[in-house]
Protein backbone atom coordinates (compact mmCIF):
# COMPACT_ATOMS: atom_id res chain seq x y z
CA UNK A 1 0.01 0.23 -0.04
CA UNK A 2 1.31 3.57 -0.99
CA UNK A 3 0.22 5.02 2.36
CA UNK A 4 -1.00 3.54 5.66
CA UNK A 5 -4.98 2.95 5.22
CA UNK A 6 -5.94 5.62 7.50
CA UNK A 7 -4.16 8.29 5.21
CA UNK A 8 -5.62 6.59 2.32
CA UNK A 9 -9.30 6.80 3.78
CA UNK A 10 -8.70 10.39 4.74
CA UNK A 11 -7.50 11.15 1.03
CA UNK A 12 -10.60 9.07 -0.30
CA UNK A 13 -13.21 11.26 2.01
CA UNK A 14 -11.48 14.59 0.94
CA UNK A 15 -11.62 13.57 -2.72
CA UNK A 16 -15.34 12.53 -2.58
CA UNK A 17 -16.13 15.97 -0.61
CA UNK A 18 -14.38 17.82 -3.50
CA UNK A 19 -16.30 16.09 -6.14
CA UNK A 20 -19.75 16.59 -4.63
CA UNK A 21 -19.11 20.34 -3.50
CA UNK A 22 -18.00 20.96 -6.90
CA UNK A 23 -20.74 19.34 -8.51
CA UNK A 24 -23.24 21.39 -6.48
CA UNK A 25 -21.12 24.61 -7.53
CA UNK A 26 -20.78 23.76 -11.05
CA UNK A 27 -24.42 22.89 -11.55
CA UNK A 28 -25.39 26.14 -9.80
CA UNK A 29 -23.78 28.24 -12.69
CA UNK A 30 -25.53 26.19 -15.58
CA UNK A 31 -28.50 28.81 -15.26
CA UNK A 32 -26.61 31.73 -13.89
CA UNK A 33 -23.77 34.16 -14.77
CA UNK A 34 -20.27 33.90 -13.07
CA UNK A 35 -19.64 36.50 -10.62
CA UNK A 36 -18.25 40.11 -11.55
CA UNK A 37 -19.15 39.65 -15.16
CA UNK A 38 -16.53 36.92 -15.58
CA UNK A 39 -17.11 35.51 -19.10
CA UNK A 40 -17.38 31.53 -19.75
CA UNK A 41 -15.07 30.67 -22.68
CA UNK A 42 -16.97 30.07 -26.01
CA UNK A 43 -15.81 27.02 -27.35
CA UNK A 44 -17.50 24.67 -29.99
CA UNK A 45 -18.43 21.74 -27.60
CA UNK A 46 -17.14 19.14 -29.79
CA UNK A 47 -13.71 20.61 -30.47
CA UNK A 48 -13.41 22.32 -27.08
CA UNK A 49 -10.96 19.43 -25.71
CA UNK A 50 -8.32 20.63 -27.89
CA UNK A 51 -8.37 24.27 -26.75
CA UNK A 52 -8.40 23.01 -23.04
CA UNK A 53 -5.88 20.52 -23.45
CA UNK A 54 -3.33 23.16 -25.16
CA UNK A 55 -4.12 25.58 -22.22
CA UNK A 56 -2.77 22.70 -20.01
CA UNK A 57 0.31 22.20 -22.05
CA UNK A 58 0.90 25.93 -21.89
CA UNK A 59 0.29 26.39 -18.27
CA UNK A 60 2.74 23.11 -17.52
CA UNK A 61 5.33 24.69 -19.95
CA UNK A 62 5.19 27.98 -17.94
CA UNK A 63 5.17 26.28 -14.58
CA UNK A 64 8.62 24.15 -15.63
CA UNK A 65 9.91 27.66 -17.07
CA UNK A 66 9.47 28.83 -13.28
CA UNK A 67 11.25 25.76 -11.88
CA UNK A 68 14.16 26.07 -14.14
CA UNK A 69 14.83 29.72 -13.09
CA UNK A 70 13.67 29.18 -9.48
CA UNK A 71 11.18 31.82 -9.75
CA UNK A 72 9.45 31.27 -6.53
CA UNK A 73 8.05 34.80 -6.07
CA UNK A 74 6.54 34.54 -9.54
CA UNK A 75 5.00 31.08 -8.66
CA UNK A 76 3.45 32.35 -5.45
CA UNK A 77 1.77 35.37 -7.31
CA UNK A 78 0.47 32.98 -9.96
CA UNK A 79 -0.70 30.67 -7.33
CA UNK A 80 -2.11 33.39 -5.28
CA UNK A 81 -4.22 34.74 -8.18
CA UNK A 82 -5.45 31.51 -9.45
CA UNK A 83 -6.87 30.29 -5.88
CA UNK A 84 -8.33 33.66 -5.35
CA UNK A 85 -10.08 33.63 -8.72
CA UNK A 86 -11.41 30.04 -8.20
CA UNK A 87 -12.65 30.80 -4.65
CA UNK A 88 -14.52 33.82 -5.61
CA UNK A 89 -16.66 31.89 -8.17
CA UNK A 90 -17.29 29.12 -5.59
CA UNK A 91 -18.02 31.01 -2.59
CA UNK A 92 -20.48 33.27 -4.65
CA UNK A 93 -22.70 30.19 -4.90
CA UNK A 94 -23.10 30.64 -1.12
CA UNK A 95 -22.63 34.23 -0.22
CA UNK A 96 -23.11 37.52 -2.05
CA UNK A 97 -20.46 38.52 -4.52
CA UNK A 98 -18.78 40.93 -2.09
CA UNK A 99 -18.72 38.62 1.02
CA UNK A 100 -17.23 35.96 -1.38
CA UNK A 101 -14.50 38.07 -2.74
CA UNK A 102 -13.46 39.20 0.85
CA UNK A 103 -13.78 35.57 2.18
CA UNK A 104 -11.77 34.00 -0.79
CA UNK A 105 -9.18 36.71 -0.27
CA UNK A 106 -8.90 36.20 3.54
CA UNK A 107 -8.64 32.32 2.84
CA UNK A 108 -6.03 32.71 0.05
CA UNK A 109 -3.91 35.15 2.06
CA UNK A 110 -3.77 32.53 4.80
CA UNK A 111 -3.10 29.54 2.34
CA UNK A 112 -0.16 31.18 0.55
CA UNK A 113 1.46 33.25 3.31
CA UNK A 114 0.52 31.70 6.34
CA UNK A 115 0.81 27.82 5.46
CA UNK A 116 -1.89 25.80 7.67
CA UNK A 117 -2.51 22.43 6.41
CA UNK A 118 -6.11 22.40 7.65
CA UNK A 119 -6.64 25.78 5.68
CA UNK A 120 -4.95 24.37 2.66
CA UNK A 121 -7.04 21.12 2.32
CA UNK A 122 -10.31 23.00 3.25
CA UNK A 123 -9.88 25.65 0.48
CA UNK A 124 -8.86 22.69 -2.00
CA UNK A 125 -12.37 21.38 -1.51
CA UNK A 126 -13.86 24.28 -3.08
CA UNK A 127 -11.33 25.49 -5.72
CA UNK A 128 -12.13 22.91 -8.21
CA UNK A 129 -15.95 23.70 -8.33
CA UNK A 130 -14.95 27.16 -9.35
CA UNK A 131 -12.98 25.91 -12.23
CA UNK A 132 -15.63 23.33 -13.28
CA UNK A 133 -18.24 25.95 -13.56
CA UNK A 134 -16.17 27.85 -15.90
CA UNK A 135 -15.55 25.00 -18.39
CA UNK A 136 -18.40 22.44 -18.12
CA UNK A 137 -20.80 24.44 -20.11
CA UNK A 138 -18.20 24.49 -22.93
CA UNK A 139 -17.87 20.68 -22.98
CA UNK A 140 -20.05 17.87 -24.43
CA UNK A 141 -19.76 14.26 -23.25
CA UNK A 142 -17.62 13.61 -26.44
CA UNK A 143 -15.11 16.30 -25.81
CA UNK A 144 -14.81 15.87 -22.27
CA UNK A 145 -14.17 12.21 -23.06
CA UNK A 146 -11.70 12.91 -25.31
CA UNK A 147 -10.06 15.53 -23.06
CA UNK A 148 -9.59 12.69 -20.25
CA UNK A 149 -8.04 10.29 -22.68
CA UNK A 150 -5.55 13.05 -23.72
CA UNK A 151 -4.78 14.08 -20.01
CA UNK A 152 -4.37 10.27 -19.03
CA UNK A 153 -1.83 9.91 -21.81
CA UNK A 154 -0.01 13.01 -21.06
CA UNK A 155 0.21 12.25 -17.21
CA UNK A 156 1.66 8.74 -18.27
CA UNK A 157 4.21 10.51 -20.20
CA UNK A 158 4.90 13.10 -17.74
CA UNK A 159 5.50 10.80 -14.64
CA UNK A 160 6.96 7.91 -16.43
CA UNK A 161 8.90 9.29 -19.22
CA UNK A 162 9.83 12.95 -18.92
CA UNK A 163 9.30 12.78 -15.20
CA UNK A 164 8.76 16.55 -15.02
CA UNK A 165 5.33 16.15 -13.33
CA UNK A 166 7.35 14.67 -10.42
CA UNK A 167 9.64 17.80 -10.37
CA UNK A 168 6.73 20.17 -10.37
CA UNK A 169 5.13 18.31 -7.52
CA UNK A 170 8.51 18.45 -5.56
CA UNK A 171 8.70 21.94 -6.17
CA UNK A 172 5.17 22.76 -5.03
CA UNK A 173 5.69 20.93 -1.89
CA UNK A 174 8.94 22.58 -1.25
CA UNK A 175 7.39 25.96 -1.37
CA UNK A 176 4.17 24.74 0.65
CA UNK A 177 1.90 25.98 -2.31
CA UNK A 178 1.06 22.70 -3.81
CA UNK A 179 -2.26 22.64 -6.10
CA UNK A 180 -3.94 19.58 -4.57
CA UNK A 181 -4.41 17.76 -1.07
CA UNK A 182 -1.47 17.51 1.16
CA UNK A 183 -1.44 15.08 4.16
CA UNK A 184 1.55 14.97 6.38
CA UNK A 185 1.76 11.87 8.62
CA UNK A 186 4.27 9.76 10.73
CA UNK A 187 5.64 6.52 9.89
CA UNK A 188 8.44 4.79 11.47
CA UNK A 189 9.38 8.22 13.38
CA UNK A 190 9.60 9.82 9.61
CA UNK A 191 7.35 12.48 8.53
CA UNK A 192 5.71 11.77 5.00
CA UNK A 193 3.36 13.51 3.01
CA UNK A 194 0.72 11.98 0.93
CA UNK A 195 -0.34 13.98 -2.02
CA UNK A 196 -3.29 14.18 -4.57
CA UNK A 197 -2.48 16.63 -7.30
CA UNK A 198 -5.20 19.23 -8.38
CA UNK A 199 -5.43 17.79 -11.75
CA UNK A 200 -6.48 14.64 -10.16
CA UNK A 201 -9.25 16.34 -8.70
CA UNK A 202 -10.40 18.66 -11.19
CA UNK A 203 -10.47 16.55 -14.37
CA UNK A 204 -12.69 13.78 -12.80
CA UNK A 205 -14.99 16.70 -11.55
CA UNK A 206 -15.14 18.31 -14.89
CA UNK A 207 -16.16 15.10 -16.59
CA UNK A 208 -18.89 14.32 -13.91
CA UNK A 209 -20.02 18.11 -14.14
CA UNK A 210 -20.43 17.57 -17.93
CA UNK A 211 -22.42 14.24 -17.32
CA UNK A 212 -24.52 15.56 -14.63
CA UNK A 213 -25.83 18.38 -17.03
CA UNK A 214 -26.92 15.62 -19.50
CA UNK A 215 -28.29 12.95 -17.30
CA UNK A 216 -28.91 14.51 -13.93
CA UNK A 217 -28.54 13.15 -10.56
CA UNK A 218 -27.42 9.58 -12.00
CA UNK A 219 -24.35 11.20 -12.49
CA UNK A 220 -23.48 11.17 -8.65
CA UNK A 221 -22.35 7.76 -9.09
CA UNK A 222 -19.29 8.79 -11.12
CA UNK A 223 -17.25 10.06 -7.91
CA UNK A 224 -17.77 6.69 -6.24
CA UNK A 225 -16.72 4.64 -8.84
CA UNK A 226 -13.67 7.16 -9.53
CA UNK A 227 -13.00 6.75 -5.76
CA UNK A 228 -12.97 2.96 -6.03
CA UNK A 229 -10.23 3.09 -8.88
CA UNK A 230 -8.26 5.67 -6.78
CA UNK A 231 -8.46 3.37 -3.81
CA UNK A 232 -6.93 0.50 -5.86
CA UNK A 233 -4.14 2.73 -6.97
CA UNK A 234 -3.46 3.62 -3.28
CA UNK A 235 -3.75 -0.10 -2.25
CA UNK A 236 -1.46 -1.40 -5.18
CA UNK A 237 1.04 1.14 -5.21
CA UNK A 238 4.31 0.94 -3.81
CA UNK A 239 5.71 3.25 -1.27
CA UNK A 240 7.96 6.16 -2.63
CA UNK A 241 7.06 5.88 -6.12
CA UNK A 242 5.16 8.24 -8.17
CA UNK A 243 2.01 7.31 -10.28
CA UNK A 244 0.19 8.81 -12.76
CA UNK A 245 -3.34 8.88 -11.26
CA UNK A 246 -5.12 10.07 -14.41
CA UNK A 247 -5.33 6.93 -16.33
CA UNK A 248 -7.05 5.21 -13.21
CA UNK A 249 -9.28 7.93 -12.50
CA UNK A 250 -10.38 8.20 -16.00
CA UNK A 251 -11.14 4.36 -16.12
CA UNK A 252 -13.49 5.29 -12.89
CA UNK A 253 -15.15 8.27 -14.64
CA UNK A 254 -16.03 6.07 -17.83
CA UNK A 255 -17.03 3.38 -15.60
CA UNK A 256 -19.42 5.45 -13.61
CA UNK A 257 -20.71 6.88 -16.75
CA UNK A 258 -21.77 3.39 -18.18
CA UNK A 259 -23.22 2.40 -14.87
CA UNK A 260 -25.53 5.66 -14.82
CA UNK A 261 -26.98 5.40 -18.12
CA UNK A 262 -27.45 1.66 -17.63
CA UNK A 263 -29.63 2.75 -14.37
């Protein structure tokens, strides 16, 4: 097992919470505008996967450049603005826009400048719902399926071949500015950290959000099947090894979708 069972269960619970909170947030924006006049991207649904995948590649290349030049301050600024932006969208579902903006700002300040593991993980529960709300309406079932496949292949290359995703994860962890869940724990008097990257949370949520707008509440099964495959990865994974999670999560997404339409 990659981590002890207690740690794995906590990660799975946080993953599920992020999925269901995110689905609520994303679905809340189906019939309403984003706050502060933020515009949703206008892509052709059947080809939108290409634009989003290309944006992922550009963002990754930029992140790698920051690592190469050890541009910690620029990374901190980029991280700060990204978190604040996503939280504003998410919190605007629960509060009026001004309160959402101020609350998101306070949490982001603590997350970036006063690192606390509880605040870090609690904020991660809401970030990906805001991002899904931006892109879910621009994707069809076909395009989000192709996007998952592309991201899964890319994840395997980035972890097993070029290994730049491992370098990126270590750089973020070192700065305490990690996009995703962080869970430090002790094992044999050593402090270890279990992580689950932001993409591993966000892309399954995006898939489930697109399916939800098409088939409704039956899509709620998708986070469950995805969590099952994630548990399998943790159960069979070796300690101190990095694995691309997206291929496993994508299988869970497709399994959940097929079960949902079969019900």
